[in-house]
Protein backbone atom coordinates (compact mmCIF):
# COMPACT_ATOMS: atom_id res chain seq x y z
CA MET A 1 -11.17 16.74 16.41
CA ALA A 2 -8.58 14.19 17.36
CA ASP A 3 -9.57 11.17 19.40
CA ALA A 4 -8.45 7.63 20.22
CA ALA A 5 -9.95 6.38 16.94
CA MET A 6 -7.63 8.69 15.04
CA LEU A 7 -4.67 7.19 16.90
CA ALA A 8 -5.84 3.71 15.99
CA ARG A 9 -5.93 4.78 12.33
CA ILE A 10 -2.42 6.26 12.64
CA ASP A 11 -1.25 2.94 14.07
CA ARG A 12 -2.90 1.05 11.16
CA VAL A 13 -1.25 3.28 8.55
CA ARG A 14 2.13 3.03 10.25
CA ALA A 15 1.80 -0.77 10.42
CA ALA A 16 1.01 -0.89 6.69
CA LEU A 17 3.99 1.34 5.95
CA LEU A 18 6.27 -0.85 8.10
CA ALA A 19 4.99 -3.95 6.29
CA ALA A 20 5.80 -2.16 3.02
CA GLY A 21 9.37 -1.67 4.18
CA VAL A 22 9.26 1.96 5.26
CA ASP A 23 11.95 2.74 7.82
CA PHE A 24 10.69 5.61 9.94
CA LYS A 25 14.14 6.21 11.41
CA ASP A 26 15.61 6.69 7.94
CA LEU A 27 12.89 9.22 7.23
CA GLY A 28 13.71 11.16 10.37
CA ALA A 29 10.29 10.55 11.92
CA ALA A 30 9.64 12.55 15.06
CA PRO A 31 8.81 10.86 18.34
CA GLU A 32 5.15 10.53 19.20
CA PRO A 33 3.75 13.89 20.38
CA SER A 34 2.95 14.09 24.08
CA TRP A 35 -0.68 15.00 23.41
CA PHE A 36 -1.22 11.52 21.91
CA ALA A 37 -1.21 10.26 25.53
CA ASP A 38 -4.25 12.47 26.21
CA LEU A 39 -6.05 10.90 23.27
CA ARG A 40 -5.14 7.43 24.49
CA ALA A 41 -6.66 8.39 27.84
CA GLY A 42 -9.96 9.10 26.10
CA GLN A 43 -9.77 12.85 25.62
CA CYS A 44 -10.76 14.61 22.42
CA LEU A 45 -8.61 17.51 21.30
CA PRO A 46 -8.92 20.05 18.50
CA LEU A 47 -6.48 19.73 15.60
CA GLY A 48 -4.76 23.05 15.11
CA PRO A 49 -1.85 23.69 12.72
CA ALA A 50 0.74 22.42 15.21
CA GLU A 51 -1.18 19.21 15.89
CA LEU A 52 -1.70 18.62 12.17
CA GLU A 53 2.03 19.02 11.56
CA GLU A 54 2.91 16.67 14.43
CA THR A 55 0.40 14.14 13.11
CA ALA A 56 1.88 14.39 9.60
CA ASP A 57 5.31 13.69 11.08
CA GLN A 58 3.98 10.30 12.19
CA LEU A 59 2.79 9.30 8.71
CA ALA A 60 5.94 9.29 6.54
CA GLY A 61 4.49 11.59 3.90
CA ILE A 62 0.92 10.30 3.94
CA ALA A 63 -1.59 13.14 4.12
CA VAL A 64 -3.19 13.68 7.53
CA GLU A 65 -6.60 13.43 5.86
CA ALA A 66 -5.94 9.69 5.57
CA VAL A 67 -6.37 9.23 9.32
CA LEU A 68 -9.31 11.54 9.88
CA SER A 69 -11.92 8.95 8.88
CA ASP A 70 -12.17 5.17 8.72
CA GLU A 71 -12.99 5.27 5.01
CA ALA A 72 -9.96 7.40 4.13
CA CYS A 73 -7.73 5.21 6.28
CA THR A 74 -8.97 2.02 4.62
CA THR A 75 -8.36 3.55 1.18
CA VAL A 76 -4.79 4.63 1.92
CA ILE A 77 -3.93 1.27 3.49
CA SER A 78 -5.31 -0.48 0.41
CA HIS A 79 -3.15 1.75 -1.81
CA ILE A 80 -0.07 1.00 0.28
CA GLU A 81 -0.76 -2.74 -0.01
CA ILE A 82 -1.32 -2.45 -3.78
CA LEU A 83 1.92 -0.54 -4.28
CA THR A 84 3.80 -3.06 -2.14
CA THR A 85 2.38 -5.91 -4.22
CA LEU A 86 3.34 -4.12 -7.45
CA ARG A 87 6.87 -3.59 -6.11
CA ASP A 88 7.16 -7.27 -5.19
CA LEU A 89 5.88 -8.36 -8.59
CA LYS A 90 8.36 -6.06 -10.32
CA ALA A 91 11.18 -7.57 -8.26
CA ASP A 92 10.00 -10.97 -9.58
CA GLY A 93 10.18 -9.67 -13.16
CA MET A 94 6.56 -8.64 -13.72
CA ASP A 95 5.98 -4.93 -14.22
CA LEU A 96 2.21 -4.39 -14.24
CA ARG A 97 0.95 -0.97 -15.31
CA PHE A 98 -2.61 0.30 -15.14
CA CYS A 99 -4.35 2.64 -17.58
CA HIS A 100 -4.51 6.31 -16.66
CA GLY A 101 -2.94 5.66 -13.27
CA SER A 102 -6.02 3.90 -11.92
CA LEU A 103 -5.42 1.22 -9.34
CA PRO A 104 -7.39 -1.99 -8.86
CA PRO A 105 -9.54 -2.06 -5.73
CA ASP A 106 -7.12 -4.11 -3.63
CA ALA A 107 -3.86 -6.07 -3.56
CA ALA A 108 -5.70 -9.39 -4.00
CA THR A 109 -6.96 -8.17 -7.39
CA VAL A 110 -3.41 -7.25 -8.39
CA ARG A 111 -2.20 -10.71 -7.40
CA SER A 112 -5.06 -12.29 -9.39
CA LEU A 113 -4.13 -10.24 -12.45
CA ALA A 114 -0.51 -11.32 -12.07
CA ASP A 115 -1.59 -14.98 -11.83
CA TYR A 116 -3.68 -14.53 -14.98
CA VAL A 117 -0.74 -13.00 -16.87
CA ARG A 118 1.55 -15.84 -15.73
CA ALA A 119 -1.01 -18.42 -16.90
CA GLU A 120 -1.31 -16.72 -20.29
CA ILE A 121 2.48 -16.59 -20.69
CA ALA A 122 2.74 -20.27 -19.76
CA ALA A 123 -0.06 -21.20 -22.19
CA ALA A 124 1.65 -19.26 -24.99
CA ALA A 125 4.96 -20.96 -24.21
CA ASP A 126 3.27 -24.39 -24.23
CA ALA A 127 1.56 -23.64 -27.55
CA SER A 128 4.86 -22.52 -29.02
CA ALA A 129 6.59 -25.65 -27.77
CA ASP A 130 3.82 -27.84 -29.19
CA THR A 131 4.10 -26.15 -32.59
CA ALA A 132 7.89 -26.57 -32.60
CA ALA A 133 7.65 -30.24 -31.62
CA LYS A 134 5.30 -31.28 -34.47
CA PRO A 135 7.01 -33.16 -37.32
CA GLY A 136 7.48 -31.16 -40.47
CA ARG A 137 7.40 -27.85 -38.66
CA VAL A 138 10.36 -25.62 -38.18
CA ALA A 139 10.35 -23.42 -35.12
């Protein structure tokens, strides 16, 4: 069943996608279906094949299942934020990869890992500089 809560989840996913740089116009996103107005007015409607397709058109490739429950919605938004963070880090020259395709629990964890890697790189550079600066040592 579709209800106003589902629309709120759609709005949350779309906001996360917009924040990630998704351009719905470039993707050819369809206008909001007219039956969304009924949901906004408090009605509950069954989700048949046509409604599922129209809902999918609002999600830029995200599976409709992501907006059918709060838990699924929170998970997909977290994944969007993680992928956005990874993209931003890569643009800054840090390409983090995770074993077996597993993702950390949230974007904050990814940022913490990146900070840790930066600190380790800086410490290694400092140690190398200290070694090179000692008399009698050749770098």
